[in-house]
Amino acid sequence: MILLPSVLVVDDDPDSRDALSDLLELKGIQVLAKGVNGHDAVQKFSQHKPDLVLMDMMMPNFDGMYGLEHIKNIDSSAKVIMITADQSQTTRNKIYKYSNTKIIGKPIDFDELVKLIMEKSFW
């Protein structure tokens, strides 16, 4: 039996957040919690201890980088997939300076996302 990771989904857009959560659950991936910004992500990460965080980059108030940095301060081995339309090298460098961190572009290719989540080398 394959053990599926538990996930925290963070996105300021409620429709995107709910759609992504619903699709993950249809694939048998447990969504432990949902967050609305980077600050919320840090709190929910501490509270729920998910196997993986899926987080949008661009959010008002506390963006995804805030969430990523603070989650990594709590647990440097935390696994995070950042969701972003910004594919610039600068953004990639900021994200990839943290271990166990991946990027998926927008619009999200859901099959690619599930493949990334299930990737054995990521775990």
PDB file of N, CA and C in Angstrom:
ATOM      1  N   MET A   1       0.840  -1.192   0.000  1.00  0.00           N
ATOM      2  CA  MET A   1       0.000   0.000   0.000  1.00  0.00           C
ATOM      3  C   MET A   1       0.883   1.253   0.000  1.00  0.00           C
ATOM      4  N   ILE A   2       0.556   2.191  -0.855  1.00  0.00           N
ATOM      5  CA  ILE A   2       1.299   3.444  -0.948  1.00  0.00           C
ATOM      6  C   ILE A   2       0.727   4.426   0.077  1.00  0.00           C
ATOM      7  N   LEU A   3       1.617   4.995   0.878  1.00  0.00           N
ATOM      8  CA  LEU A   3       1.200   5.989   1.855  1.00  0.00           C
ATOM      9  C   LEU A   3       1.149   7.356   1.184  1.00  0.00           C
ATOM     10  N   LEU A   4      -0.008   7.988   1.198  1.00  0.00           N
ATOM     11  CA  LEU A   4      -0.157   9.296   0.573  1.00  0.00           C
ATOM     12  C   LEU A   4       0.108  10.384   1.612  1.00  0.00           C
ATOM     13  N   PRO A   5       0.750  11.472   1.181  1.00  0.00           N
ATOM     14  CA  PRO A   5       1.079  12.539   2.127  1.00  0.00           C
ATOM     15  C   PRO A   5      -0.151  13.346   2.549  1.00  0.00           C
ATOM     16  N   SER A   6      -0.079  13.910   3.735  1.00  0.00           N
ATOM     17  CA  SER A   6      -1.101  14.860   4.170  1.00  0.00           C
ATOM     18  C   SER A   6      -0.633  16.251   3.744  1.00  0.00           C
ATOM     19  N   VAL A   7      -1.593  17.121   3.435  1.00  0.00           N
ATOM     20  CA  VAL A   7      -1.266  18.391   2.798  1.00  0.00           C
ATOM     21  C   VAL A   7      -1.967  19.568   3.478  1.00  0.00           C
ATOM     22  N   LEU A   8      -1.259  20.699   3.488  1.00  0.00           N
ATOM     23  CA  LEU A   8      -1.819  21.997   3.855  1.00  0.00           C
ATOM     24  C   LEU A   8      -1.876  22.799   2.559  1.00  0.00           C
ATOM     25  N   VAL A   9      -3.053  23.293   2.172  1.00  0.00           N
ATOM     26  CA  VAL A   9      -3.232  24.081   0.948  1.00  0.00           C
ATOM     27  C   VAL A   9      -3.401  25.549   1.335  1.00  0.00           C
ATOM     28  N   VAL A  10      -2.558  26.414   0.751  1.00  0.00           N
ATOM     29  CA  VAL A  10      -2.589  27.841   1.092  1.00  0.00           C
ATOM     30  C   VAL A  10      -2.738  28.677  -0.176  1.00  0.00           C
ATOM     31  N   ASP A  11      -3.831  29.420  -0.255  1.00  0.00           N
ATOM     32  CA  ASP A  11      -4.083  30.314  -1.394  1.00  0.00           C
ATOM     33  C   ASP A  11      -5.092  31.356  -0.932  1.00  0.00           C
ATOM     34  N   ASP A  12      -4.881  32.614  -1.313  1.00  0.00           N
ATOM     35  CA  ASP A  12      -5.806  33.674  -0.902  1.00  0.00           C
ATOM     36  C   ASP A  12      -7.124  33.619  -1.659  1.00  0.00           C
ATOM     37  N   ASP A  13      -7.144  32.965  -2.828  1.00  0.00           N
ATOM     38  CA  ASP A  13      -8.369  32.862  -3.618  1.00  0.00           C
ATOM     39  C   ASP A  13      -9.167  31.638  -3.161  1.00  0.00           C
ATOM     40  N   PRO A  14     -10.359  31.863  -2.580  1.00  0.00           N
ATOM     41  CA  PRO A  14     -11.115  30.729  -2.029  1.00  0.00           C
ATOM     42  C   PRO A  14     -11.489  29.683  -3.077  1.00  0.00           C
ATOM     43  N   ASP A  15     -11.799  30.119  -4.306  1.00  0.00           N
ATOM     44  CA  ASP A  15     -12.162  29.159  -5.348  1.00  0.00           C
ATOM     45  C   ASP A  15     -10.975  28.270  -5.715  1.00  0.00           C
ATOM     46  N   SER A  16      -9.790  28.870  -5.869  1.00  0.00           N
ATOM     47  CA  SER A  16      -8.584  28.095  -6.184  1.00  0.00           C
ATOM     48  C   SER A  16      -8.247  27.140  -5.049  1.00  0.00           C
ATOM     49  N   ARG A  17      -8.309  27.646  -3.839  1.00  0.00           N
ATOM     50  CA  ARG A  17      -7.986  26.846  -2.646  1.00  0.00           C
ATOM     51  C   ARG A  17      -8.924  25.643  -2.534  1.00  0.00           C
ATOM     52  N   ASP A  18     -10.222  25.888  -2.691  1.00  0.00           N
ATOM     53  CA  ASP A  18     -11.195  24.798  -2.558  1.00  0.00           C
ATOM     54  C   ASP A  18     -11.107  23.807  -3.716  1.00  0.00           C
ATOM     55  N   ALA A  19     -10.921  24.313  -4.930  1.00  0.00           N
ATOM     56  CA  ALA A  19     -10.823  23.425  -6.092  1.00  0.00           C
ATOM     57  C   ALA A  19      -9.602  22.514  -5.980  1.00  0.00           C
ATOM     58  N   LEU A  20      -8.469  23.092  -5.608  1.00  0.00           N
ATOM     59  CA  LEU A  20      -7.243  22.313  -5.448  1.00  0.00           C
ATOM     60  C   LEU A  20      -7.419  21.272  -4.339  1.00  0.00           C
ATOM     61  N   SER A  21      -8.000  21.682  -3.233  1.00  0.00           N
ATOM     62  CA  SER A  21      -8.233  20.761  -2.113  1.00  0.00           C
ATOM     63  C   SER A  21      -9.143  19.613  -2.532  1.00  0.00           C
ATOM     64  N   ASP A  22     -10.224  19.935  -3.235  1.00  0.00           N
ATOM     65  CA  ASP A  22     -11.172  18.904  -3.682  1.00  0.00           C
ATOM     66  C   ASP A  22     -10.511  17.920  -4.639  1.00  0.00           C
ATOM     67  N   LEU A  23      -9.721  18.429  -5.583  1.00  0.00           N
ATOM     68  CA  LEU A  23      -9.044  17.552  -6.545  1.00  0.00           C
ATOM     69  C   LEU A  23      -8.032  16.638  -5.845  1.00  0.00           C
ATOM     70  N   LEU A  24      -7.306  17.178  -4.882  1.00  0.00           N
ATOM     71  CA  LEU A  24      -6.345  16.360  -4.132  1.00  0.00           C
ATOM     72  C   LEU A  24      -7.062  15.251  -3.369  1.00  0.00           C
ATOM     73  N   GLU A  25      -8.156  15.601  -2.736  1.00  0.00           N
ATOM     74  CA  GLU A  25      -8.901  14.602  -1.969  1.00  0.00           C
ATOM     75  C   GLU A  25      -9.477  13.514  -2.875  1.00  0.00           C
ATOM     76  N   LEU A  26      -9.862  13.886  -4.102  1.00  0.00           N
ATOM     77  CA  LEU A  26     -10.333  12.882  -5.061  1.00  0.00           C
ATOM     78  C   LEU A  26      -9.232  11.882  -5.406  1.00  0.00           C
ATOM     79  N   LYS A  27      -7.979  12.314  -5.314  1.00  0.00           N
ATOM     80  CA  LYS A  27      -6.829  11.436  -5.581  1.00  0.00           C
ATOM     81  C   LYS A  27      -6.402  10.679  -4.326  1.00  0.00           C
ATOM     82  N   GLY A  28      -7.133  10.878  -3.225  1.00  0.00           N
ATOM     83  CA  GLY A  28      -6.830  10.171  -1.990  1.00  0.00           C
ATOM     84  C   GLY A  28      -5.809  10.865  -1.106  1.00  0.00           C
ATOM     85  N   ILE A  29      -5.494  12.107  -1.436  1.00  0.00           N
ATOM     86  CA  ILE A  29      -4.523  12.877  -0.662  1.00  0.00           C
ATOM     87  C   ILE A  29      -5.286  13.673   0.390  1.00  0.00           C
ATOM     88  N   GLN A  30      -4.928  13.471   1.651  1.00  0.00           N
ATOM     89  CA  GLN A  30      -5.647  14.107   2.755  1.00  0.00           C
ATOM     90  C   GLN A  30      -5.244  15.571   2.909  1.00  0.00           C
ATOM     91  N   VAL A  31      -6.233  16.458   2.825  1.00  0.00           N
ATOM     92  CA  VAL A  31      -6.002  17.880   3.075  1.00  0.00           C
ATOM     93  C   VAL A  31      -6.307  18.130   4.545  1.00  0.00           C
ATOM     94  N   LEU A  32      -5.259  18.366   5.330  1.00  0.00           N
ATOM     95  CA  LEU A  32      -5.416  18.564   6.780  1.00  0.00           C
ATOM     96  C   LEU A  32      -6.008  19.924   7.112  1.00  0.00           C
ATOM     97  N   ALA A  33      -5.624  20.937   6.312  1.00  0.00           N
ATOM     98  CA  ALA A  33      -6.080  22.299   6.597  1.00  0.00           C
ATOM     99  C   ALA A  33      -5.892  23.157   5.357  1.00  0.00           C
ATOM    100  N   LYS A  34      -6.536  24.327   5.386  1.00  0.00           N
ATOM    101  CA  LYS A  34      -6.417  25.312   4.310  1.00  0.00           C
ATOM    102  C   LYS A  34      -6.055  26.648   4.937  1.00  0.00           C
ATOM    103  N   GLY A  35      -5.165  27.387   4.257  1.00  0.00           N
ATOM    104  CA  GLY A  35      -4.760  28.695   4.737  1.00  0.00           C
ATOM    105  C   GLY A  35      -5.020  29.769   3.700  1.00  0.00           C
ATOM    106  N   VAL A  36      -5.050  31.034   4.150  1.00  0.00           N
ATOM    107  CA  VAL A  36      -5.392  32.144   3.258  1.00  0.00           C
ATOM    108  C   VAL A  36      -4.212  33.064   2.931  1.00  0.00           C
ATOM    109  N   ASN A  37      -3.091  32.930   3.694  1.00  0.00           N
ATOM    110  CA  ASN A  37      -1.893  33.736   3.403  1.00  0.00           C
ATOM    111  C   ASN A  37      -0.692  33.091   4.103  1.00  0.00           C
ATOM    112  N   GLY A  38       0.470  33.698   3.943  1.00  0.00           N
ATOM    113  CA  GLY A  38       1.687  33.137   4.507  1.00  0.00           C
ATOM    114  C   GLY A  38       1.679  33.031   6.019  1.00  0.00           C
ATOM    115  N   HIS A  39       1.106  34.017   6.677  1.00  0.00           N
ATOM    116  CA  HIS A  39       1.024  34.004   8.137  1.00  0.00           C
ATOM    117  C   HIS A  39       0.134  32.854   8.605  1.00  0.00           C
ATOM    118  N   ASP A  40      -1.008  32.714   7.954  1.00  0.00           N
ATOM    119  CA  ASP A  40      -1.948  31.636   8.244  1.00  0.00           C
ATOM    120  C   ASP A  40      -1.275  30.280   8.000  1.00  0.00           C
ATOM    121  N   ALA A  41      -0.468  30.201   6.947  1.00  0.00           N
ATOM    122  CA  ALA A  41       0.242  28.964   6.614  1.00  0.00           C
ATOM    123  C   ALA A  41       1.154  28.533   7.758  1.00  0.00           C
ATOM    124  N   VAL A  42       1.874  29.485   8.330  1.00  0.00           N
ATOM    125  CA  VAL A  42       2.804  29.191   9.420  1.00  0.00           C
ATOM    126  C   VAL A  42       2.039  28.655  10.635  1.00  0.00           C
ATOM    127  N   GLN A  43       0.940  29.307  10.972  1.00  0.00           N
ATOM    128  CA  GLN A  43       0.131  28.871  12.112  1.00  0.00           C
ATOM    129  C   GLN A  43      -0.446  27.479  11.885  1.00  0.00           C
ATOM    130  N   LYS A  44      -0.993  27.260  10.688  1.00  0.00           N
ATOM    131  CA  LYS A  44      -1.618  25.956  10.396  1.00  0.00           C
ATOM    132  C   LYS A  44      -0.563  24.857  10.281  1.00  0.00           C
ATOM    133  N   PHE A  45       0.618  25.200   9.771  1.00  0.00           N
ATOM    134  CA  PHE A  45       1.706  24.227   9.705  1.00  0.00           C
ATOM    135  C   PHE A  45       2.086  23.770  11.117  1.00  0.00           C
ATOM    136  N   SER A  46       2.234  24.720  12.020  1.00  0.00           N
ATOM    137  CA  SER A  46       2.590  24.409  13.413  1.00  0.00           C
ATOM    138  C   SER A  46       1.520  23.561  14.089  1.00  0.00           C
ATOM    139  N   GLN A  47       0.281  23.879  13.783  1.00  0.00           N
ATOM    140  CA  GLN A  47      -0.844  23.200  14.435  1.00  0.00           C
ATOM    141  C   GLN A  47      -1.056  21.781  13.888  1.00  0.00           C
ATOM    142  N   HIS A  48      -0.992  21.619  12.561  1.00  0.00           N
ATOM    143  CA  HIS A  48      -1.387  20.351  11.929  1.00  0.00           C
ATOM    144  C   HIS A  48      -0.230  19.438  11.534  1.00  0.00           C
ATOM    145  N   LYS A  49       0.976  19.972  11.396  1.00  0.00           N
ATOM    146  CA  LYS A  49       2.157  19.196  11.005  1.00  0.00           C
ATOM    147  C   LYS A  49       1.921  18.343   9.743  1.00  0.00           C
ATOM    148  N   PRO A  50       1.548  18.975   8.619  1.00  0.00           N
ATOM    149  CA  PRO A  50       1.327  18.198   7.394  1.00  0.00           C
ATOM    150  C   PRO A  50       2.642  17.661   6.829  1.00  0.00           C
ATOM    151  N   ASP A  51       2.530  16.644   5.983  1.00  0.00           N
ATOM    152  CA  ASP A  51       3.703  16.105   5.284  1.00  0.00           C
ATOM    153  C   ASP A  51       4.196  17.080   4.218  1.00  0.00           C
ATOM    154  N   LEU A  52       3.274  17.887   3.692  1.00  0.00           N
ATOM    155  CA  LEU A  52       3.574  18.759   2.566  1.00  0.00           C
ATOM    156  C   LEU A  52       2.731  20.023   2.631  1.00  0.00           C
ATOM    157  N   VAL A  53       3.325  21.145   2.209  1.00  0.00           N
ATOM    158  CA  VAL A  53       2.594  22.406   2.099  1.00  0.00           C
ATOM    159  C   VAL A  53       2.550  22.790   0.625  1.00  0.00           C
ATOM    160  N   LEU A  54       1.360  23.071   0.122  1.00  0.00           N
ATOM    161  CA  LEU A  54       1.162  23.611  -1.226  1.00  0.00           C
ATOM    162  C   LEU A  54       0.769  25.063  -1.028  1.00  0.00           C
ATOM    163  N   MET A  55       1.606  26.001  -1.527  1.00  0.00           N
ATOM    164  CA  MET A  55       1.367  27.402  -1.203  1.00  0.00           C
ATOM    165  C   MET A  55       1.529  28.308  -2.412  1.00  0.00           C
ATOM    166  N   ASP A  56       0.546  29.183  -2.597  1.00  0.00           N
ATOM    167  CA  ASP A  56       0.615  30.207  -3.638  1.00  0.00           C
ATOM    168  C   ASP A  56       1.702  31.209  -3.252  1.00  0.00           C
ATOM    169  N   MET A  57       2.383  31.741  -4.249  1.00  0.00           N
ATOM    170  CA  MET A  57       3.447  32.722  -4.015  1.00  0.00           C
ATOM    171  C   MET A  57       2.885  34.111  -3.741  1.00  0.00           C
ATOM    172  N   MET A  58       1.995  34.546  -4.623  1.00  0.00           N
ATOM    173  CA  MET A  58       1.484  35.914  -4.572  1.00  0.00           C
ATOM    174  C   MET A  58       0.173  35.973  -3.785  1.00  0.00           C
ATOM    175  N   MET A  59       0.263  36.517  -2.570  1.00  0.00           N
ATOM    176  CA  MET A  59      -0.914  36.702  -1.730  1.00  0.00           C
ATOM    177  C   MET A  59      -0.754  38.033  -1.006  1.00  0.00           C
ATOM    178  N   PRO A  60      -1.865  38.737  -0.750  1.00  0.00           N
ATOM    179  CA  PRO A  60      -1.759  40.009  -0.039  1.00  0.00           C
ATOM    180  C   PRO A  60      -1.371  39.795   1.429  1.00  0.00           C
ATOM    181  N   ASN A  61      -0.884  40.857   2.027  1.00  0.00           N
ATOM    182  CA  ASN A  61      -0.453  40.883   3.441  1.00  0.00           C
ATOM    183  C   ASN A  61       0.797  40.049   3.669  1.00  0.00           C
ATOM    184  N   PHE A  62       0.654  38.759   3.788  1.00  0.00           N
ATOM    185  CA  PHE A  62       1.791  37.865   4.004  1.00  0.00           C
ATOM    186  C   PHE A  62       1.860  36.901   2.828  1.00  0.00           C
ATOM    187  N   ASP A  63       2.860  37.079   1.960  1.00  0.00           N
ATOM    188  CA  ASP A  63       2.931  36.272   0.742  1.00  0.00           C
ATOM    189  C   ASP A  63       3.523  34.884   1.005  1.00  0.00           C
ATOM    190  N   GLY A  64       3.659  34.120  -0.060  1.00  0.00           N
ATOM    191  CA  GLY A  64       4.174  32.765   0.039  1.00  0.00           C
ATOM    192  C   GLY A  64       5.612  32.697   0.528  1.00  0.00           C
ATOM    193  N   MET A  65       6.435  33.688   0.162  1.00  0.00           N
ATOM    194  CA  MET A  65       7.826  33.690   0.635  1.00  0.00           C
ATOM    195  C   MET A  65       7.873  33.858   2.153  1.00  0.00           C
ATOM    196  N   TYR A  66       7.001  34.697   2.687  1.00  0.00           N
ATOM    197  CA  TYR A  66       6.912  34.846   4.147  1.00  0.00           C
ATOM    198  C   TYR A  66       6.603  33.476   4.764  1.00  0.00           C
ATOM    199  N   GLY A  67       5.591  32.811   4.204  1.00  0.00           N
ATOM    200  CA  GLY A  67       5.208  31.496   4.713  1.00  0.00           C
ATOM    201  C   GLY A  67       6.330  30.488   4.604  1.00  0.00           C
ATOM    202  N   LEU A  68       6.989  30.449   3.446  1.00  0.00           N
ATOM    203  CA  LEU A  68       8.083  29.506   3.220  1.00  0.00           C
ATOM    204  C   LEU A  68       9.219  29.725   4.225  1.00  0.00           C
ATOM    205  N   GLU A  69       9.650  30.973   4.356  1.00  0.00           N
ATOM    206  CA  GLU A  69      10.758  31.286   5.270  1.00  0.00           C
ATOM    207  C   GLU A  69      10.439  30.902   6.709  1.00  0.00           C
ATOM    208  N   HIS A  70       9.238  31.217   7.149  1.00  0.00           N
ATOM    209  CA  HIS A  70       8.874  30.953   8.541  1.00  0.00           C
ATOM    210  C   HIS A  70       8.610  29.470   8.803  1.00  0.00           C
ATOM    211  N   ILE A  71       8.042  28.775   7.821  1.00  0.00           N
ATOM    212  CA  ILE A  71       7.852  27.326   7.964  1.00  0.00           C
ATOM    213  C   ILE A  71       9.214  26.638   8.041  1.00  0.00           C
ATOM    214  N   LYS A  72      10.157  27.070   7.216  1.00  0.00           N
ATOM    215  CA  LYS A  72      11.500  26.483   7.233  1.00  0.00           C
ATOM    216  C   LYS A  72      12.239  26.794   8.532  1.00  0.00           C
ATOM    217  N   ASN A  73      11.903  27.919   9.179  1.00  0.00           N
ATOM    218  CA  ASN A  73      12.477  28.221  10.494  1.00  0.00           C
ATOM    219  C   ASN A  73      11.958  27.257  11.558  1.00  0.00           C
ATOM    220  N   ILE A  74      10.719  26.817  11.389  1.00  0.00           N
ATOM    221  CA  ILE A  74      10.115  25.861  12.323  1.00  0.00           C
ATOM    222  C   ILE A  74      10.678  24.458  12.071  1.00  0.00           C
ATOM    223  N   ASP A  75      10.734  24.087  10.773  1.00  0.00           N
ATOM    224  CA  ASP A  75      11.202  22.753  10.387  1.00  0.00           C
ATOM    225  C   ASP A  75      11.946  22.872   9.056  1.00  0.00           C
ATOM    226  N   SER A  76      13.261  22.867   9.120  1.00  0.00           N
ATOM    227  CA  SER A  76      14.066  23.069   7.908  1.00  0.00           C
ATOM    228  C   SER A  76      13.888  21.950   6.890  1.00  0.00           C
ATOM    229  N   SER A  77      13.370  20.795   7.333  1.00  0.00           N
ATOM    230  CA  SER A  77      13.153  19.687   6.390  1.00  0.00           C
ATOM    231  C   SER A  77      11.716  19.644   5.865  1.00  0.00           C
ATOM    232  N   ALA A  78      10.889  20.648   6.197  1.00  0.00           N
ATOM    233  CA  ALA A  78       9.507  20.689   5.713  1.00  0.00           C
ATOM    234  C   ALA A  78       9.492  20.655   4.187  1.00  0.00           C
ATOM    235  N   LYS A  79       8.532  19.921   3.641  1.00  0.00           N
ATOM    236  CA  LYS A  79       8.397  19.813   2.191  1.00  0.00           C
ATOM    237  C   LYS A  79       7.346  20.812   1.722  1.00  0.00           C
ATOM    238  N   VAL A  80       7.742  21.652   0.759  1.00  0.00           N
ATOM    239  CA  VAL A  80       6.876  22.722   0.292  1.00  0.00           C
ATOM    240  C   VAL A  80       6.891  22.766  -1.229  1.00  0.00           C
ATOM    241  N   ILE A  81       5.710  22.887  -1.821  1.00  0.00           N
ATOM    242  CA  ILE A  81       5.600  23.146  -3.251  1.00  0.00           C
ATOM    243  C   ILE A  81       4.991  24.529  -3.395  1.00  0.00           C
ATOM    244  N   MET A  82       5.750  25.429  -4.012  1.00  0.00           N
ATOM    245  CA  MET A  82       5.281  26.789  -4.240  1.00  0.00           C
ATOM    246  C   MET A  82       4.578  26.855  -5.591  1.00  0.00           C
ATOM    247  N   ILE A  83       3.429  27.511  -5.605  1.00  0.00           N
ATOM    248  CA  ILE A  83       2.634  27.671  -6.820  1.00  0.00           C
ATOM    249  C   ILE A  83       2.786  29.110  -7.279  1.00  0.00           C
ATOM    250  N   THR A  84       3.295  29.300  -8.510  1.00  0.00           N
ATOM    251  CA  THR A  84       3.524  30.672  -8.964  1.00  0.00           C
ATOM    252  C   THR A  84       3.479  30.786 -10.484  1.00  0.00           C
ATOM    253  N   ALA A  85       3.030  31.950 -10.941  1.00  0.00           N
ATOM    254  CA  ALA A  85       3.086  32.268 -12.364  1.00  0.00           C
ATOM    255  C   ALA A  85       4.452  32.878 -12.698  1.00  0.00           C
ATOM    256  N   ASP A  86       5.173  33.314 -11.669  1.00  0.00           N
ATOM    257  CA  ASP A  86       6.480  33.950 -11.847  1.00  0.00           C
ATOM    258  C   ASP A  86       7.551  32.871 -11.987  1.00  0.00           C
ATOM    259  N   GLN A  87       8.023  32.685 -13.199  1.00  0.00           N
ATOM    260  CA  GLN A  87       9.026  31.656 -13.467  1.00  0.00           C
ATOM    261  C   GLN A  87      10.426  32.257 -13.620  1.00  0.00           C
ATOM    262  N   SER A  88      10.615  33.473 -13.115  1.00  0.00           N
ATOM    263  CA  SER A  88      11.911  34.139 -13.258  1.00  0.00           C
ATOM    264  C   SER A  88      12.992  33.414 -12.466  1.00  0.00           C
ATOM    265  N   GLN A  89      14.228  33.582 -12.896  1.00  0.00           N
ATOM    266  CA  GLN A  89      15.356  32.953 -12.211  1.00  0.00           C
ATOM    267  C   GLN A  89      15.504  33.502 -10.794  1.00  0.00           C
ATOM    268  N   THR A  90      15.212  34.786 -10.622  1.00  0.00           N
ATOM    269  CA  THR A  90      15.291  35.405  -9.291  1.00  0.00           C
ATOM    270  C   THR A  90      14.353  34.700  -8.312  1.00  0.00           C
ATOM    271  N   THR A  91      13.120  34.475  -8.746  1.00  0.00           N
ATOM    272  CA  THR A  91      12.137  33.793  -7.899  1.00  0.00           C
ATOM    273  C   THR A  91      12.568  32.364  -7.635  1.00  0.00           C
ATOM    274  N   ARG A  92      13.024  31.675  -8.676  1.00  0.00           N
ATOM    275  CA  ARG A  92      13.484  30.288  -8.521  1.00  0.00           C
ATOM    276  C   ARG A  92      14.635  30.218  -7.508  1.00  0.00           C
ATOM    277  N   ASN A  93      15.572  31.147  -7.606  1.00  0.00           N
ATOM    278  CA  ASN A  93      16.708  31.156  -6.678  1.00  0.00           C
ATOM    279  C   ASN A  93      16.254  31.353  -5.236  1.00  0.00           C
ATOM    280  N   LYS A  94      15.291  32.264  -5.030  1.00  0.00           N
ATOM    281  CA  LYS A  94      14.767  32.513  -3.683  1.00  0.00           C
ATOM    282  C   LYS A  94      14.142  31.246  -3.092  1.00  0.00           C
ATOM    283  N   ILE A  95      13.374  30.544  -3.918  1.00  0.00           N
ATOM    284  CA  ILE A  95      12.665  29.352  -3.458  1.00  0.00           C
ATOM    285  C   ILE A  95      13.628  28.185  -3.263  1.00  0.00           C
ATOM    286  N   TYR A  96      14.506  27.990  -4.237  1.00  0.00           N
ATOM    287  CA  TYR A  96      15.376  26.809  -4.204  1.00  0.00           C
ATOM    288  C   TYR A  96      16.529  26.905  -3.216  1.00  0.00           C
ATOM    289  N   LYS A  97      16.679  28.061  -2.549  1.00  0.00           N
ATOM    290  CA  LYS A  97      17.719  28.118  -1.517  1.00  0.00           C
ATOM    291  C   LYS A  97      17.303  27.276  -0.308  1.00  0.00           C
ATOM    292  N   TYR A  98      16.025  26.900  -0.264  1.00  0.00           N
ATOM    293  CA  TYR A  98      15.519  26.036   0.798  1.00  0.00           C
ATOM    294  C   TYR A  98      15.454  24.597   0.295  1.00  0.00           C
ATOM    295  N   SER A  99      15.910  23.655   1.119  1.00  0.00           N
ATOM    296  CA  SER A  99      15.855  22.249   0.733  1.00  0.00           C
ATOM    297  C   SER A  99      14.410  21.756   0.746  1.00  0.00           C
ATOM    298  N   ASN A 100      14.182  20.658   0.060  1.00  0.00           N
ATOM    299  CA  ASN A 100      12.858  20.021  -0.001  1.00  0.00           C
ATOM    300  C   ASN A 100      11.772  20.979  -0.482  1.00  0.00           C
ATOM    301  N   THR A 101      12.124  21.828  -1.432  1.00  0.00           N
ATOM    302  CA  THR A 101      11.171  22.800  -1.957  1.00  0.00           C
ATOM    303  C   THR A 101      11.117  22.681  -3.470  1.00  0.00           C
ATOM    304  N   LYS A 102       9.906  22.700  -4.007  1.00  0.00           N
ATOM    305  CA  LYS A 102       9.684  22.593  -5.449  1.00  0.00           C
ATOM    306  C   LYS A 102       8.804  23.753  -5.905  1.00  0.00           C
ATOM    307  N   ILE A 103       8.733  23.933  -7.227  1.00  0.00           N
ATOM    308  CA  ILE A 103       7.894  24.979  -7.825  1.00  0.00           C
ATOM    309  C   ILE A 103       6.994  24.329  -8.862  1.00  0.00           C
ATOM    310  N   ILE A 104       5.743  24.752  -8.888  1.00  0.00           N
ATOM    311  CA  ILE A 104       4.853  24.380  -9.987  1.00  0.00           C
ATOM    312  C   ILE A 104       4.240  25.664 -10.518  1.00  0.00           C
ATOM    313  N   GLY A 105       4.188  25.775 -11.837  1.00  0.00           N
ATOM    314  CA  GLY A 105       3.699  26.995 -12.470  1.00  0.00           C
ATOM    315  C   GLY A 105       2.189  27.075 -12.551  1.00  0.00           C
ATOM    316  N   LYS A 106       1.731  28.293 -12.740  1.00  0.00           N
ATOM    317  CA  LYS A 106       0.306  28.558 -12.997  1.00  0.00           C
ATOM    318  C   LYS A 106       0.136  28.798 -14.483  1.00  0.00           C
ATOM    319  N   PRO A 107      -0.943  28.378 -15.080  1.00  0.00           N
ATOM    320  CA  PRO A 107      -1.997  27.578 -14.464  1.00  0.00           C
ATOM    321  C   PRO A 107      -1.483  26.184 -14.104  1.00  0.00           C
ATOM    322  N   ILE A 108      -2.008  25.643 -13.035  1.00  0.00           N
ATOM    323  CA  ILE A 108      -1.533  24.356 -12.517  1.00  0.00           C
ATOM    324  C   ILE A 108      -1.955  23.215 -13.435  1.00  0.00           C
ATOM    325  N   ASP A 109      -0.976  22.401 -13.803  1.00  0.00           N
ATOM    326  CA  ASP A 109      -1.248  21.140 -14.482  1.00  0.00           C
ATOM    327  C   ASP A 109      -1.447  20.135 -13.351  1.00  0.00           C
ATOM    328  N   PHE A 110      -2.702  19.756 -13.108  1.00  0.00           N
ATOM    329  CA  PHE A 110      -3.013  18.940 -11.942  1.00  0.00           C
ATOM    330  C   PHE A 110      -2.304  17.587 -11.967  1.00  0.00           C
ATOM    331  N   ASP A 111      -2.229  16.968 -13.144  1.00  0.00           N
ATOM    332  CA  ASP A 111      -1.534  15.674 -13.249  1.00  0.00           C
ATOM    333  C   ASP A 111      -0.061  15.829 -12.889  1.00  0.00           C
ATOM    334  N   GLU A 112       0.552  16.926 -13.330  1.00  0.00           N
ATOM    335  CA  GLU A 112       1.956  17.198 -13.001  1.00  0.00           C
ATOM    336  C   GLU A 112       2.107  17.409 -11.490  1.00  0.00           C
ATOM    337  N   LEU A 113       1.158  18.112 -10.889  1.00  0.00           N
ATOM    338  CA  LEU A 113       1.202  18.362  -9.448  1.00  0.00           C
ATOM    339  C   LEU A 113       1.126  17.051  -8.667  1.00  0.00           C
ATOM    340  N   VAL A 114       0.197  16.184  -9.032  1.00  0.00           N
ATOM    341  CA  VAL A 114       0.055  14.904  -8.337  1.00  0.00           C
ATOM    342  C   VAL A 114       1.330  14.077  -8.500  1.00  0.00           C
ATOM    343  N   LYS A 115       1.902  14.105  -9.700  1.00  0.00           N
ATOM    344  CA  LYS A 115       3.159  13.380  -9.950  1.00  0.00           C
ATOM    345  C   LYS A 115       4.269  13.919  -9.044  1.00  0.00           C
ATOM    346  N   LEU A 116       4.332  15.237  -8.905  1.00  0.00           N
ATOM    347  CA  LEU A 116       5.328  15.877  -8.041  1.00  0.00           C
ATOM    348  C   LEU A 116       5.116  15.489  -6.572  1.00  0.00           C
ATOM    349  N   ILE A 117       3.872  15.474  -6.147  1.00  0.00           N
ATOM    350  CA  ILE A 117       3.535  15.093  -4.769  1.00  0.00           C
ATOM    351  C   ILE A 117       3.945  13.646  -4.499  1.00  0.00           C
ATOM    352  N   MET A 118       3.768  12.780  -5.470  1.00  0.00           N
ATOM    353  CA  MET A 118       4.032  11.358  -5.289  1.00  0.00           C
ATOM    354  C   MET A 118       5.501  10.982  -5.555  1.00  0.00           C
ATOM    355  N   GLU A 119       6.285  11.926  -6.053  1.00  0.00           N
ATOM    356  CA  GLU A 119       7.675  11.658  -6.403  1.00  0.00           C
ATOM    357  C   GLU A 119       8.450  11.130  -5.202  1.00  0.00           C
ATOM    358  N   LYS A 120       8.969   9.932  -5.333  1.00  0.00           N
ATOM    359  CA  LYS A 120       9.689   9.292  -4.219  1.00  0.00           C
ATOM    360  C   LYS A 120      10.932  10.088  -3.815  1.00  0.00           C
ATOM    361  N   SER A 121      11.603  10.690  -4.778  1.00  0.00           N
ATOM    362  CA  SER A 121      12.828  11.425  -4.450  1.00  0.00           C
ATOM    363  C   SER A 121      12.538  12.660  -3.595  1.00  0.00           C
ATOM    364  N   PHE A 122      11.294  13.136  -3.643  1.00  0.00           N
ATOM    365  CA  PHE A 122      10.903  14.296  -2.853  1.00  0.00           C
ATOM    366  C   PHE A 122      10.766  13.909  -1.378  1.00  0.00           C
ATOM    367  N   TRP A 123      10.492  12.646  -1.132  1.00  0.00           N
ATOM    368  CA  TRP A 123      10.253  12.169   0.232  1.00  0.00           C
ATOM    369  C   TRP A 123      11.488  11.519   0.773  1.00  0.00           C
TER     370      TRP A 123
END
